Amino acid sequence: MKLLRRVADKLADRYRRQMPGRDISERLEDLQRLLEERGVDVEIDQKGQLPVLRQHSCPYHELAEVDRTVCGIEMRMFEKALDSNLKLAQCRLDGHRCCEFEVRPSGERVEITAVTS
């Protein structure tokens, strides 16, 4: 898993350099664009107090079915790219329609782990 964490960190650094947005809303839009360029179906919901990134397709689905740590590593990559704390509120592996990554208030730290039932 150390290798996957390093890959996630490198990917986050590469994404971050391509994300000119100054606030979380702009950076989420930038991340959405970058993920969609990779063929990942993503939407951003800005209706609540804090935005939510919904990932409808998982680029690592087969691997995640074997080891859910991948979900946490993906969240780590998103957090580093967005420079924000996230919470994996829903996961497709638990039968949900999509994975939902909720932006957390600044200062609120959430442990980076996969959601389990």
N, C-alpha and C. Protein backbone atom coordinates (compact mmCIF):
# COMPACT_ATOMS: atom_id res chain seq x y z
N MET A 1 0.81 -1.19 0.00
CA MET A 1 0.00 0.00 0.00
C MET A 1 0.86 1.27 0.00
N LYS A 2 2.10 1.17 0.47
CA LYS A 2 2.97 2.34 0.43
C LYS A 2 3.14 2.82 -1.00
N LEU A 3 3.27 1.87 -1.92
CA LEU A 3 3.43 2.22 -3.34
C LEU A 3 2.18 2.95 -3.83
N LEU A 4 1.00 2.47 -3.48
CA LEU A 4 -0.23 3.13 -3.89
C LEU A 4 -0.34 4.53 -3.31
N ARG A 5 0.08 4.70 -2.07
CA ARG A 5 0.06 6.04 -1.45
C ARG A 5 0.99 6.99 -2.20
N ARG A 6 2.16 6.49 -2.57
CA ARG A 6 3.11 7.34 -3.32
C ARG A 6 2.53 7.71 -4.69
N VAL A 7 1.90 6.75 -5.34
CA VAL A 7 1.28 7.02 -6.64
C VAL A 7 0.17 8.06 -6.46
N ALA A 8 -0.65 7.92 -5.43
CA ALA A 8 -1.73 8.88 -5.16
C ALA A 8 -1.16 10.27 -4.90
N ASP A 9 -0.09 10.35 -4.13
CA ASP A 9 0.54 11.64 -3.85
C ASP A 9 1.08 12.28 -5.12
N LYS A 10 1.71 11.49 -5.97
CA LYS A 10 2.26 12.02 -7.24
C LYS A 10 1.12 12.49 -8.14
N LEU A 11 0.05 11.70 -8.22
CA LEU A 11 -1.09 12.08 -9.04
C LEU A 11 -1.73 13.36 -8.50
N ALA A 12 -1.86 13.46 -7.19
CA ALA A 12 -2.42 14.67 -6.58
C ALA A 12 -1.57 15.89 -6.91
N ASP A 13 -0.24 15.74 -6.86
CA ASP A 13 0.66 16.85 -7.20
C ASP A 13 0.47 17.27 -8.66
N ARG A 14 0.34 16.27 -9.53
CA ARG A 14 0.17 16.57 -10.96
C ARG A 14 -1.17 17.28 -11.18
N TYR A 15 -2.23 16.77 -10.55
CA TYR A 15 -3.53 17.42 -10.68
C TYR A 15 -3.49 18.84 -10.13
N ARG A 16 -2.90 18.98 -8.96
CA ARG A 16 -2.87 20.30 -8.29
C ARG A 16 -2.25 21.36 -9.19
N ARG A 17 -1.21 20.97 -9.94
CA ARG A 17 -0.57 21.94 -10.85
C ARG A 17 -1.50 22.34 -11.99
N GLN A 18 -2.53 21.55 -12.26
CA GLN A 18 -3.47 21.83 -13.35
C GLN A 18 -4.79 22.39 -12.83
N MET A 19 -4.81 22.78 -11.57
CA MET A 19 -6.03 23.27 -10.94
C MET A 19 -5.83 24.72 -10.47
N PRO A 20 -6.14 25.67 -11.35
CA PRO A 20 -5.88 27.07 -11.01
C PRO A 20 -6.88 27.67 -10.02
N GLY A 21 -7.96 26.96 -9.72
CA GLY A 21 -8.99 27.51 -8.83
C GLY A 21 -8.43 27.96 -7.50
N ARG A 22 -8.98 29.08 -6.99
CA ARG A 22 -8.49 29.63 -5.74
C ARG A 22 -9.27 29.16 -4.53
N ASP A 23 -10.57 28.88 -4.70
CA ASP A 23 -11.35 28.40 -3.56
C ASP A 23 -11.78 26.96 -3.84
N ILE A 24 -12.41 26.33 -2.86
CA ILE A 24 -12.74 24.91 -2.96
C ILE A 24 -13.71 24.65 -4.11
N SER A 25 -14.65 25.54 -4.34
CA SER A 25 -15.61 25.35 -5.43
C SER A 25 -14.90 25.33 -6.78
N GLU A 26 -13.99 26.27 -6.98
CA GLU A 26 -13.24 26.31 -8.24
C GLU A 26 -12.33 25.10 -8.39
N ARG A 27 -11.68 24.70 -7.29
CA ARG A 27 -10.79 23.53 -7.36
C ARG A 27 -11.57 22.25 -7.63
N LEU A 28 -12.78 22.14 -7.06
CA LEU A 28 -13.62 20.97 -7.34
C LEU A 28 -13.98 20.92 -8.82
N GLU A 29 -14.32 22.07 -9.41
CA GLU A 29 -14.62 22.11 -10.84
C GLU A 29 -13.39 21.71 -11.66
N ASP A 30 -12.23 22.18 -11.24
CA ASP A 30 -10.99 21.80 -11.92
C ASP A 30 -10.76 20.29 -11.83
N LEU A 31 -10.95 19.73 -10.64
CA LEU A 31 -10.76 18.30 -10.45
C LEU A 31 -11.78 17.51 -11.27
N GLN A 32 -13.01 17.98 -11.30
CA GLN A 32 -14.04 17.31 -12.11
C GLN A 32 -13.59 17.25 -13.57
N ARG A 33 -13.12 18.35 -14.10
CA ARG A 33 -12.65 18.39 -15.49
C ARG A 33 -11.52 17.40 -15.72
N LEU A 34 -10.55 17.37 -14.80
CA LEU A 34 -9.41 16.47 -14.96
C LEU A 34 -9.83 15.00 -14.89
N LEU A 35 -10.73 14.68 -13.97
CA LEU A 35 -11.21 13.30 -13.86
C LEU A 35 -12.01 12.90 -15.09
N GLU A 36 -12.85 13.80 -15.58
CA GLU A 36 -13.63 13.49 -16.78
C GLU A 36 -12.73 13.27 -17.99
N GLU A 37 -11.61 14.00 -18.05
CA GLU A 37 -10.64 13.78 -19.13
C GLU A 37 -10.07 12.37 -19.09
N ARG A 38 -10.05 11.76 -17.89
CA ARG A 38 -9.58 10.38 -17.72
C ARG A 38 -10.72 9.37 -17.88
N GLY A 39 -11.93 9.85 -18.18
CA GLY A 39 -13.06 8.95 -18.38
C GLY A 39 -13.81 8.61 -17.11
N VAL A 40 -13.58 9.35 -16.03
CA VAL A 40 -14.26 9.10 -14.76
C VAL A 40 -15.51 9.99 -14.71
N ASP A 41 -16.67 9.37 -14.48
CA ASP A 41 -17.95 10.08 -14.41
C ASP A 41 -18.10 10.69 -13.02
N VAL A 42 -18.04 12.03 -12.96
CA VAL A 42 -18.04 12.76 -11.69
C VAL A 42 -19.00 13.94 -11.79
N GLU A 43 -19.63 14.25 -10.67
CA GLU A 43 -20.43 15.48 -10.60
C GLU A 43 -20.12 16.17 -9.27
N ILE A 44 -20.36 17.47 -9.25
CA ILE A 44 -20.16 18.26 -8.04
C ILE A 44 -21.53 18.79 -7.62
N ASP A 45 -21.87 18.58 -6.35
CA ASP A 45 -23.12 19.09 -5.80
C ASP A 45 -22.77 20.21 -4.84
N GLN A 46 -23.16 21.43 -5.19
CA GLN A 46 -22.86 22.61 -4.38
C GLN A 46 -24.09 23.11 -3.63
N LYS A 47 -25.16 22.30 -3.57
CA LYS A 47 -26.42 22.76 -2.99
C LYS A 47 -26.40 22.84 -1.47
N GLY A 48 -25.62 22.02 -0.81
CA GLY A 48 -25.58 22.01 0.65
C GLY A 48 -24.66 23.08 1.20
N GLN A 49 -24.46 23.04 2.52
CA GLN A 49 -23.54 23.99 3.14
C GLN A 49 -22.13 23.82 2.62
N LEU A 50 -21.74 22.55 2.42
CA LEU A 50 -20.42 22.25 1.89
C LEU A 50 -20.58 21.37 0.66
N PRO A 51 -19.70 21.53 -0.33
CA PRO A 51 -19.85 20.77 -1.57
C PRO A 51 -19.55 19.27 -1.41
N VAL A 52 -20.10 18.50 -2.35
CA VAL A 52 -19.92 17.06 -2.40
C VAL A 52 -19.46 16.68 -3.80
N LEU A 53 -18.44 15.83 -3.86
CA LEU A 53 -17.99 15.27 -5.13
C LEU A 53 -18.59 13.87 -5.24
N ARG A 54 -19.38 13.64 -6.28
CA ARG A 54 -19.99 12.33 -6.51
C ARG A 54 -19.27 11.65 -7.66
N GLN A 55 -18.75 10.49 -7.38
CA GLN A 55 -18.01 9.72 -8.39
C GLN A 55 -18.89 8.53 -8.77
N HIS A 56 -19.42 8.58 -10.01
CA HIS A 56 -20.34 7.55 -10.47
C HIS A 56 -19.63 6.34 -11.06
N SER A 57 -18.42 6.53 -11.49
CA SER A 57 -17.64 5.40 -12.00
C SER A 57 -16.31 5.36 -11.25
N CYS A 58 -15.84 4.16 -10.99
CA CYS A 58 -14.61 4.00 -10.21
C CYS A 58 -13.51 3.46 -11.12
N PRO A 59 -12.42 4.17 -11.24
CA PRO A 59 -11.32 3.67 -12.08
C PRO A 59 -10.59 2.47 -11.46
N TYR A 60 -10.88 2.19 -10.19
CA TYR A 60 -10.18 1.11 -9.49
C TYR A 60 -11.15 0.08 -8.93
N HIS A 61 -12.33 -0.06 -9.53
CA HIS A 61 -13.40 -0.89 -8.97
C HIS A 61 -12.95 -2.33 -8.67
N GLU A 62 -12.31 -2.98 -9.61
CA GLU A 62 -11.90 -4.37 -9.40
C GLU A 62 -10.90 -4.48 -8.25
N LEU A 63 -9.97 -3.55 -8.18
CA LEU A 63 -8.98 -3.56 -7.10
C LEU A 63 -9.66 -3.24 -5.76
N ALA A 64 -10.59 -2.31 -5.77
CA ALA A 64 -11.28 -1.93 -4.53
C ALA A 64 -12.12 -3.08 -3.98
N GLU A 65 -12.65 -3.92 -4.85
CA GLU A 65 -13.42 -5.07 -4.38
C GLU A 65 -12.55 -6.04 -3.60
N VAL A 66 -11.25 -6.07 -3.91
CA VAL A 66 -10.31 -6.96 -3.23
C VAL A 66 -9.75 -6.30 -1.97
N ASP A 67 -9.47 -5.00 -2.06
CA ASP A 67 -8.87 -4.28 -0.94
C ASP A 67 -9.44 -2.86 -0.88
N ARG A 68 -10.32 -2.63 0.07
CA ARG A 68 -11.00 -1.34 0.19
C ARG A 68 -10.07 -0.19 0.57
N THR A 69 -8.84 -0.49 0.89
CA THR A 69 -7.88 0.57 1.20
C THR A 69 -7.75 1.53 0.02
N VAL A 70 -8.01 1.03 -1.17
CA VAL A 70 -7.93 1.85 -2.38
C VAL A 70 -8.87 3.05 -2.27
N CYS A 71 -10.02 2.87 -1.64
CA CYS A 71 -10.97 3.97 -1.48
C CYS A 71 -10.34 5.09 -0.65
N GLY A 72 -9.67 4.73 0.41
CA GLY A 72 -9.00 5.72 1.25
C GLY A 72 -7.85 6.40 0.54
N ILE A 73 -7.16 5.64 -0.29
CA ILE A 73 -6.04 6.22 -1.03
C ILE A 73 -6.55 7.21 -2.07
N GLU A 74 -7.67 6.87 -2.71
CA GLU A 74 -8.28 7.80 -3.66
C GLU A 74 -8.69 9.08 -2.94
N MET A 75 -9.27 8.94 -1.76
CA MET A 75 -9.66 10.12 -1.00
C MET A 75 -8.43 10.95 -0.63
N ARG A 76 -7.35 10.28 -0.27
CA ARG A 76 -6.10 10.99 0.05
C ARG A 76 -5.65 11.82 -1.15
N MET A 77 -5.74 11.24 -2.34
CA MET A 77 -5.34 11.95 -3.56
C MET A 77 -6.24 13.18 -3.75
N PHE A 78 -7.57 12.99 -3.58
CA PHE A 78 -8.49 14.12 -3.73
C PHE A 78 -8.18 15.20 -2.70
N GLU A 79 -7.94 14.81 -1.45
CA GLU A 79 -7.65 15.78 -0.40
C GLU A 79 -6.41 16.60 -0.73
N LYS A 80 -5.37 15.93 -1.17
CA LYS A 80 -4.13 16.64 -1.48
C LYS A 80 -4.31 17.55 -2.69
N ALA A 81 -5.03 17.08 -3.70
CA ALA A 81 -5.26 17.89 -4.90
C ALA A 81 -6.12 19.11 -4.57
N LEU A 82 -7.12 18.92 -3.73
CA LEU A 82 -8.04 20.00 -3.39
C LEU A 82 -7.55 20.87 -2.24
N ASP A 83 -6.56 20.39 -1.50
CA ASP A 83 -6.07 21.06 -0.30
C ASP A 83 -7.23 21.27 0.69
N SER A 84 -8.02 20.20 0.86
CA SER A 84 -9.18 20.22 1.77
C SER A 84 -9.37 18.86 2.39
N ASN A 85 -10.00 18.83 3.55
CA ASN A 85 -10.35 17.57 4.21
C ASN A 85 -11.65 17.05 3.61
N LEU A 86 -11.72 15.73 3.45
CA LEU A 86 -12.90 15.08 2.88
C LEU A 86 -13.37 13.96 3.80
N LYS A 87 -14.60 13.53 3.56
CA LYS A 87 -15.15 12.36 4.23
C LYS A 87 -15.81 11.50 3.15
N LEU A 88 -15.47 10.21 3.12
CA LEU A 88 -16.13 9.29 2.20
C LEU A 88 -17.47 8.92 2.85
N ALA A 89 -18.53 9.59 2.41
CA ALA A 89 -19.84 9.43 3.04
C ALA A 89 -20.62 8.26 2.48
N GLN A 90 -20.40 7.92 1.23
CA GLN A 90 -21.04 6.78 0.58
C GLN A 90 -20.04 6.08 -0.31
N CYS A 91 -20.20 4.77 -0.44
CA CYS A 91 -19.28 4.00 -1.27
C CYS A 91 -20.08 3.02 -2.11
N ARG A 92 -19.73 2.91 -3.38
CA ARG A 92 -20.40 1.97 -4.28
C ARG A 92 -20.26 0.53 -3.79
N LEU A 93 -19.17 0.24 -3.10
CA LEU A 93 -18.96 -1.12 -2.60
C LEU A 93 -19.97 -1.49 -1.52
N ASP A 94 -20.64 -0.49 -0.94
CA ASP A 94 -21.67 -0.74 0.06
C ASP A 94 -23.07 -0.76 -0.55
N GLY A 95 -23.13 -0.74 -1.89
CA GLY A 95 -24.41 -0.80 -2.58
C GLY A 95 -24.99 0.54 -2.96
N HIS A 96 -24.28 1.63 -2.71
CA HIS A 96 -24.77 2.95 -3.08
C HIS A 96 -24.59 3.17 -4.59
N ARG A 97 -25.35 4.10 -5.14
CA ARG A 97 -25.26 4.41 -6.57
C ARG A 97 -23.90 5.00 -6.95
N CYS A 98 -23.27 5.68 -6.01
CA CYS A 98 -22.01 6.36 -6.31
C CYS A 98 -21.20 6.48 -5.02
N CYS A 99 -19.97 6.91 -5.17
CA CYS A 99 -19.15 7.26 -4.01
C CYS A 99 -19.31 8.76 -3.80
N GLU A 100 -19.53 9.17 -2.56
CA GLU A 100 -19.67 10.58 -2.25
C GLU A 100 -18.56 11.01 -1.32
N PHE A 101 -17.84 12.02 -1.75
CA PHE A 101 -16.77 12.61 -0.96
C PHE A 101 -17.24 13.99 -0.52
N GLU A 102 -17.52 14.13 0.78
CA GLU A 102 -17.99 15.40 1.32
C GLU A 102 -16.81 16.25 1.75
N VAL A 103 -16.84 17.51 1.37
CA VAL A 103 -15.84 18.46 1.84
C VAL A 103 -16.15 18.75 3.30
N ARG A 104 -15.15 18.70 4.16
CA ARG A 104 -15.31 18.96 5.59
C ARG A 104 -14.92 20.39 5.89
N PRO A 105 -15.49 20.97 6.93
CA PRO A 105 -15.08 22.33 7.32
C PRO A 105 -13.58 22.38 7.60
N SER A 106 -12.96 23.48 7.25
CA SER A 106 -11.52 23.59 7.52
C SER A 106 -11.28 23.43 9.01
N GLY A 107 -10.24 22.72 9.34
CA GLY A 107 -9.91 22.46 10.73
C GLY A 107 -10.47 21.14 11.23
N GLU A 108 -11.48 20.60 10.54
CA GLU A 108 -12.02 19.30 10.94
C GLU A 108 -11.27 18.22 10.19
N ARG A 109 -10.55 17.42 10.93
CA ARG A 109 -9.73 16.36 10.33
C ARG A 109 -10.49 15.05 10.41
N VAL A 110 -10.58 14.36 9.29
CA VAL A 110 -11.23 13.06 9.23
C VAL A 110 -10.18 12.03 8.84
N GLU A 111 -10.13 10.93 9.57
CA GLU A 111 -9.16 9.88 9.25
C GLU A 111 -9.44 9.34 7.86
N ILE A 112 -8.39 9.12 7.09
CA ILE A 112 -8.52 8.66 5.72
C ILE A 112 -8.62 7.15 5.71
N THR A 113 -9.85 6.66 5.73
CA THR A 113 -10.10 5.22 5.63
C THR A 113 -11.34 5.03 4.78
N ALA A 114 -11.54 3.83 4.32
CA ALA A 114 -12.72 3.52 3.53
C ALA A 114 -13.93 3.34 4.44
N VAL A 115 -15.10 3.63 3.92
CA VAL A 115 -16.33 3.39 4.64
C VAL A 115 -16.56 1.88 4.69
N THR A 116 -16.95 1.36 5.84
CA THR A 116 -17.25 -0.05 5.95
C THR A 116 -18.63 -0.23 6.55
N SER A 117 -19.27 -1.32 6.19
CA SER A 117 -20.59 -1.59 6.74
C SER A 117 -20.50 -2.58 7.86
